[in-house]
Amino acid sequence: MNPITTKLNVDNLILMALEEDISSEDVTTNAVMRESKAGTAQLICKQDGIIAGLDVFKRVFELLDENSEVIMYFKDGDAVKNGDLLAVVNGDIRALLSGERTALNYLQRMSGIATYTRSVAALLEGSKTKLLDTRKTTPNMRIFEKYAVKVGGGYNHRYNLSDGVLIKDNHIGAAGGVAKAIQMAKEYAPFVRKIEVEVENLTMLQEALDAGADIIMLDNMSTEDMKKAVEMVAGKAETECSGNVTKENIKRIVDIGVDYVSSGALTHSAPILDVSLKNLHAI
């Protein structure tokens, strides 16, 4: 991750995670390690996958011990295998012990998302459709999880509610219809922002097109209706498919011709990648 981004947006989140794990002290470490002593440990991969979050892993130890050193043998986005030595961590043994779980939590979670994203993105190869994430992220983990999606070969949808106009079913209900919601969005939002609207059937799609939506999200449509929808749009707007898209069912979308497919599963259902900090000893 970019060093400036890390300091501005990530350090505080990492500190919050450390404070969650060390509310007053690490009583076990303080019991067995009464004074500062230099040590080293190995970061070992225990499962094949795509690694992501190495800089975040490193930053955990730097925040606990500014003299810590993490020597990496891989970079984010690399394919890793069971048994690979990913990095060596040197520093105050107390920092290594106290930061281990938080550092691994970030690395395992982010690598799991990157691994799952890579496997889903591979199913879209050869098509024009780009794979997007969603806002279905773990609270206070969004910056890490969306970064991991990019590492895995996916693309980021809007980062948060301030980032773009996306009119969904409940917005349409609140506004009183598709056309009204789009009209109100155009009046309120700056002209530089695109307006995306979610539609559930072809009637709503026609309303959205007539009202001048920039992007049409085809939500939970059948394969047949999605094909008809792309034909109706005919380049007048960009198209996005959404609704319970997973690795198991994404292949049905490949030949439809939508511009994007968004999948909450990239962040909410990816299993972690198993990595471990081992062989800690004094030096």
Protein backbone atom coordinates (compact mmCIF):
# COMPACT_ATOMS: atom_id res chain seq x y z
CA MET A 1 0.00 0.00 0.00
CA ASN A 2 1.11 3.58 -0.64
CA PRO A 3 3.10 4.92 2.37
CA ILE A 4 1.13 8.19 2.44
CA THR A 5 -2.18 6.31 2.30
CA THR A 6 -0.96 4.06 5.09
CA LYS A 7 -0.11 6.91 7.42
CA LEU A 8 -3.25 8.92 6.65
CA ASN A 9 -5.87 6.16 6.53
CA VAL A 10 -4.45 2.93 7.90
CA ASP A 11 -2.33 3.61 10.99
CA ASN A 12 -5.29 4.65 13.12
CA LEU A 13 -7.25 1.53 12.13
CA ILE A 14 -4.30 -0.71 12.98
CA LEU A 15 -3.87 1.05 16.33
CA MET A 16 -7.58 0.48 17.05
CA ALA A 17 -7.12 -3.23 16.29
CA LEU A 18 -4.09 -3.39 18.59
CA GLU A 19 -5.99 -1.58 21.34
CA GLU A 20 -8.79 -4.11 20.96
CA ASP A 21 -6.28 -6.90 21.60
CA ILE A 22 -4.21 -5.12 24.27
CA SER A 23 -6.70 -3.17 26.39
CA SER A 24 -4.19 -2.55 29.20
CA GLU A 25 -1.30 -4.96 28.77
CA ASP A 26 -0.26 -8.24 27.20
CA VAL A 27 -0.13 -10.03 30.52
CA THR A 28 1.30 -13.28 29.13
CA THR A 29 4.16 -11.60 27.27
CA ASN A 30 4.93 -9.33 30.21
CA ALA A 31 5.08 -12.39 32.45
CA VAL A 32 7.58 -14.36 30.36
CA MET A 33 9.57 -11.45 28.90
CA ARG A 34 10.37 -8.93 31.64
CA GLU A 35 12.75 -6.76 29.58
CA SER A 36 13.54 -5.87 25.99
CA LYS A 37 15.37 -8.51 24.02
CA ALA A 38 16.00 -8.76 20.29
CA GLY A 39 14.37 -11.65 18.53
CA THR A 40 13.40 -13.03 15.15
CA ALA A 41 10.53 -15.07 13.74
CA GLN A 42 9.57 -16.56 10.35
CA LEU A 43 6.36 -15.91 8.45
CA ILE A 44 5.41 -19.24 6.91
CA CYS A 45 2.73 -19.92 4.29
CA LYS A 46 0.59 -22.97 5.07
CA GLN A 47 -1.74 -22.92 2.06
CA ASP A 48 -1.50 -22.18 -1.68
CA GLY A 49 -2.97 -18.84 -2.69
CA ILE A 50 -2.38 -15.15 -3.46
CA ILE A 51 -0.65 -13.06 -0.81
CA ALA A 52 -1.98 -9.59 0.08
CA GLY A 53 -1.41 -7.30 3.04
CA LEU A 54 2.32 -7.71 3.61
CA ASP A 55 2.80 -3.98 4.21
CA VAL A 56 -0.05 -3.98 6.73
CA PHE A 57 1.51 -6.99 8.46
CA LYS A 58 4.79 -5.09 8.60
CA ARG A 59 3.17 -1.89 9.87
CA VAL A 60 1.70 -3.64 12.91
CA PHE A 61 5.17 -4.41 14.21
CA GLU A 62 6.52 -0.96 13.29
CA LEU A 63 3.80 0.69 15.37
CA LEU A 64 4.75 -1.45 18.37
CA ASP A 65 8.51 -1.19 17.87
CA GLU A 66 9.88 1.49 15.55
CA ASN A 67 13.14 -0.44 15.29
CA SER A 68 11.48 -3.61 14.01
CA GLU A 69 12.48 -4.96 10.61
CA VAL A 70 10.47 -7.14 8.25
CA ILE A 71 12.44 -8.75 5.42
CA MET A 72 10.00 -9.85 2.72
CA TYR A 73 10.61 -12.53 0.11
CA PHE A 74 7.33 -12.00 -1.73
CA LYS A 75 5.20 -9.01 -2.72
CA ASP A 76 1.45 -8.48 -2.73
CA GLY A 77 -0.16 -10.25 -5.67
CA ASP A 78 2.37 -13.07 -5.81
CA ALA A 79 1.21 -16.66 -5.90
CA VAL A 80 2.45 -18.49 -2.79
CA LYS A 81 2.58 -22.15 -1.88
CA ASN A 82 2.31 -24.19 1.28
CA GLY A 83 5.70 -24.13 3.00
CA ASP A 84 6.99 -20.89 1.46
CA LEU A 85 9.00 -18.59 3.71
CA LEU A 86 7.20 -15.30 3.14
CA ALA A 87 9.18 -13.01 5.44
CA VAL A 88 11.42 -12.76 8.49
CA VAL A 89 10.47 -10.40 11.32
CA ASN A 90 13.18 -8.96 13.58
CA GLY A 91 12.60 -6.77 16.62
CA ASP A 92 11.83 -6.60 20.31
CA ILE A 93 10.48 -10.01 21.25
CA ARG A 94 7.71 -8.34 23.25
CA ALA A 95 6.49 -6.54 20.12
CA LEU A 96 6.68 -9.75 18.08
CA LEU A 97 4.57 -11.61 20.63
CA SER A 98 2.03 -8.84 21.22
CA GLY A 99 1.57 -7.96 17.55
CA GLU A 100 1.49 -11.49 16.14
CA ARG A 101 -2.25 -12.11 16.16
CA THR A 102 -3.28 -8.69 14.85
CA ALA A 103 -0.68 -8.80 12.08
CA LEU A 104 -1.73 -12.30 11.05
CA ASN A 105 -5.44 -11.43 11.17
CA TYR A 106 -4.91 -8.69 8.60
CA LEU A 107 -2.65 -10.81 6.38
CA GLN A 108 -4.84 -13.91 6.46
CA ARG A 109 -8.04 -11.98 5.75
CA MET A 110 -6.59 -9.87 2.96
CA SER A 111 -4.83 -12.83 1.34
CA GLY A 112 -8.01 -14.88 1.48
CA ILE A 113 -9.91 -12.15 -0.36
CA ALA A 114 -7.15 -11.78 -2.96
CA THR A 115 -7.08 -15.55 -3.48
CA TYR A 116 -10.84 -15.85 -3.92
CA THR A 117 -10.99 -12.78 -6.16
CA ARG A 118 -8.26 -14.18 -8.41
CA SER A 119 -10.20 -17.44 -8.82
CA VAL A 120 -13.42 -15.61 -9.72
CA ALA A 121 -11.72 -13.12 -12.06
CA ALA A 122 -10.17 -16.05 -13.93
CA LEU A 123 -13.66 -17.21 -14.89
CA LEU A 124 -14.27 -13.89 -16.70
CA GLU A 125 -11.06 -14.01 -18.75
CA GLY A 126 -11.72 -13.54 -22.45
CA SER A 127 -14.87 -11.49 -21.85
CA LYS A 128 -15.27 -7.71 -21.63
CA THR A 129 -16.88 -7.95 -18.20
CA LYS A 130 -14.97 -6.50 -15.24
CA LEU A 131 -15.33 -7.95 -11.73
CA LEU A 132 -16.33 -5.43 -9.01
CA ASP A 133 -16.55 -5.59 -5.25
CA THR A 134 -19.34 -4.04 -3.13
CA ARG A 135 -19.79 -2.25 0.21
CA LYS A 136 -20.47 -5.61 1.89
CA THR A 137 -17.27 -5.34 3.89
CA THR A 138 -16.31 -5.90 7.52
CA PRO A 139 -16.75 -2.68 9.55
CA ASN A 140 -13.43 -0.80 9.83
CA MET A 141 -11.86 -3.22 7.34
CA ARG A 142 -13.07 -1.71 4.07
CA ILE A 143 -9.79 -0.06 3.01
CA PHE A 144 -7.96 -3.36 3.57
CA GLU A 145 -10.57 -5.57 1.93
CA LYS A 146 -11.05 -3.40 -1.15
CA TYR A 147 -7.27 -3.20 -1.57
CA ALA A 148 -7.13 -7.01 -1.43
CA VAL A 149 -9.76 -7.23 -4.20
CA LYS A 150 -7.52 -5.12 -6.44
CA VAL A 151 -4.52 -7.29 -5.60
CA GLY A 152 -6.56 -10.33 -6.63
CA GLY A 153 -7.39 -8.85 -10.04
CA GLY A 154 -10.78 -7.31 -9.34
CA TYR A 155 -11.89 -3.68 -9.48
CA ASN A 156 -13.36 -1.43 -6.82
CA HIS A 157 -16.94 -0.21 -7.00
CA ARG A 158 -17.64 3.01 -5.05
CA TYR A 159 -15.72 3.16 -1.78
CA ASN A 160 -18.54 4.57 0.34
CA LEU A 161 -21.81 6.49 0.24
CA SER A 162 -20.01 9.76 -0.49
CA ASP A 163 -18.27 8.28 -3.51
CA GLY A 164 -21.06 7.98 -6.05
CA VAL A 165 -24.78 7.97 -6.79
CA LEU A 166 -26.32 4.49 -6.72
CA ILE A 167 -30.12 4.51 -6.64
CA LYS A 168 -31.34 1.20 -5.22
CA ASP A 169 -34.82 -0.23 -4.68
CA ASN A 170 -35.47 1.56 -1.41
CA HIS A 171 -34.29 4.89 -2.84
CA ILE A 172 -36.76 4.37 -5.71
CA GLY A 173 -39.51 3.62 -3.21
CA ALA A 174 -38.65 6.72 -1.18
CA ALA A 175 -38.56 8.95 -4.26
CA GLY A 176 -41.76 7.59 -5.81
CA GLY A 177 -40.40 5.85 -8.88
CA VAL A 178 -37.38 5.30 -11.11
CA ALA A 179 -37.74 8.43 -13.23
CA LYS A 180 -38.38 10.65 -10.21
CA ALA A 181 -35.35 9.29 -8.35
CA ILE A 182 -33.07 9.87 -11.35
CA GLN A 183 -34.45 13.38 -11.87
CA MET A 184 -33.83 14.26 -8.22
CA ALA A 185 -30.32 12.82 -8.34
CA LYS A 186 -29.49 14.89 -11.42
CA GLU A 187 -30.74 18.04 -9.71
CA TYR A 188 -28.77 17.38 -6.52
CA ALA A 189 -25.53 15.65 -7.51
CA PRO A 190 -22.64 17.51 -9.18
CA PHE A 191 -22.64 17.08 -12.95
CA VAL A 192 -19.29 15.25 -12.79
CA ARG A 193 -20.89 12.27 -11.01
CA LYS A 194 -22.41 9.42 -12.95
CA ILE A 195 -25.83 8.19 -11.87
CA GLU A 196 -26.35 4.46 -11.47
CA VAL A 197 -29.76 2.94 -10.88
CA GLU A 198 -30.74 -0.57 -9.85
CA VAL A 199 -33.54 -2.22 -11.83
CA GLU A 200 -35.26 -5.53 -11.25
CA ASN A 201 -37.18 -5.96 -14.50
CA LEU A 202 -37.32 -4.74 -18.09
CA THR A 203 -40.05 -2.18 -17.39
CA MET A 204 -37.88 -0.47 -14.79
CA LEU A 205 -34.96 -0.69 -17.20
CA GLN A 206 -36.87 1.24 -19.88
CA GLU A 207 -37.80 3.91 -17.33
CA ALA A 208 -34.15 4.27 -16.32
CA LEU A 209 -33.03 4.59 -19.93
CA ASP A 210 -35.70 7.16 -20.71
CA ALA A 211 -34.64 9.17 -17.65
CA GLY A 212 -31.00 9.20 -18.74
CA ALA A 213 -29.25 6.94 -16.23
CA ASP A 214 -25.53 6.53 -16.89
CA ILE A 215 -25.20 3.02 -15.48
CA ILE A 216 -27.91 0.35 -15.17
CA MET A 217 -27.55 -2.31 -12.49
CA LEU A 218 -29.44 -5.46 -13.45
CA ASP A 219 -30.34 -6.91 -10.07
CA ASN A 220 -31.23 -10.57 -9.61
CA MET A 221 -32.47 -10.97 -13.18
CA SER A 222 -32.69 -14.27 -14.97
CA THR A 223 -30.09 -14.99 -17.62
CA GLU A 224 -32.73 -14.58 -20.34
CA ASP A 225 -33.86 -11.19 -19.02
CA MET A 226 -30.27 -9.98 -18.68
CA LYS A 227 -29.65 -10.79 -22.33
CA LYS A 228 -32.78 -8.85 -23.31
CA ALA A 229 -31.67 -5.98 -21.06
CA VAL A 230 -28.27 -5.68 -22.74
CA GLU A 231 -30.02 -5.61 -26.13
CA MET A 232 -32.37 -2.87 -24.91
CA VAL A 233 -29.53 -0.77 -23.52
CA ALA A 234 -27.61 -1.09 -26.79
CA GLY A 235 -24.75 1.09 -25.60
CA LYS A 236 -26.93 3.94 -24.30
CA ALA A 237 -25.62 3.26 -20.78
CA GLU A 238 -23.12 1.00 -19.07
CA THR A 239 -24.47 -2.20 -17.56
CA GLU A 240 -23.74 -4.00 -14.31
CA CYS A 241 -25.03 -7.36 -13.14
CA SER A 242 -25.52 -8.00 -9.42
CA GLY A 243 -27.33 -10.28 -7.04
CA ASN A 244 -25.82 -13.29 -5.25
CA VAL A 245 -22.97 -13.65 -7.74
CA THR A 246 -20.45 -16.27 -6.62
CA LYS A 247 -17.65 -18.36 -8.07
CA GLU A 248 -20.13 -21.17 -8.59
CA ASN A 249 -22.61 -19.24 -10.78
CA ILE A 250 -20.65 -16.46 -12.47
CA LYS A 251 -20.05 -18.41 -15.68
CA ARG A 252 -23.63 -17.79 -16.80
CA ILE A 253 -22.79 -14.09 -17.09
CA VAL A 254 -19.71 -14.41 -19.30
CA ASP A 255 -21.51 -14.41 -22.65
CA ILE A 256 -24.24 -11.89 -21.80
CA GLY A 257 -22.09 -8.84 -22.52
CA VAL A 258 -22.55 -6.72 -19.39
CA ASP A 259 -19.78 -4.23 -18.67
CA TYR A 260 -19.46 -5.11 -14.99
CA VAL A 261 -20.46 -7.78 -12.52
CA SER A 262 -20.43 -6.99 -8.79
CA SER A 263 -20.06 -9.63 -6.13
CA GLY A 264 -20.38 -9.15 -2.38
CA ALA A 265 -18.98 -12.65 -1.95
CA LEU A 266 -15.48 -11.34 -2.75
CA THR A 267 -15.34 -9.72 0.66
CA HIS A 268 -18.04 -11.33 2.78
CA SER A 269 -17.49 -15.00 1.89
CA ALA A 270 -13.79 -15.44 1.10
CA PRO A 271 -12.07 -17.88 3.49
CA ILE A 272 -8.79 -16.79 5.05
CA LEU A 273 -5.42 -17.92 3.69
CA ASP A 274 -3.55 -19.86 6.35
CA VAL A 275 -0.22 -18.24 7.31
CA SER A 276 1.69 -18.50 10.56
CA LEU A 277 4.47 -16.79 12.51
CA LYS A 278 6.85 -19.52 13.65
CA ASN A 279 10.26 -20.29 15.09
CA LEU A 280 10.52 -17.20 17.29
CA HIS A 281 13.79 -17.03 19.23
CA ALA A 282 16.22 -14.53 20.70
CA ILE A 283 19.15 -13.26 18.63
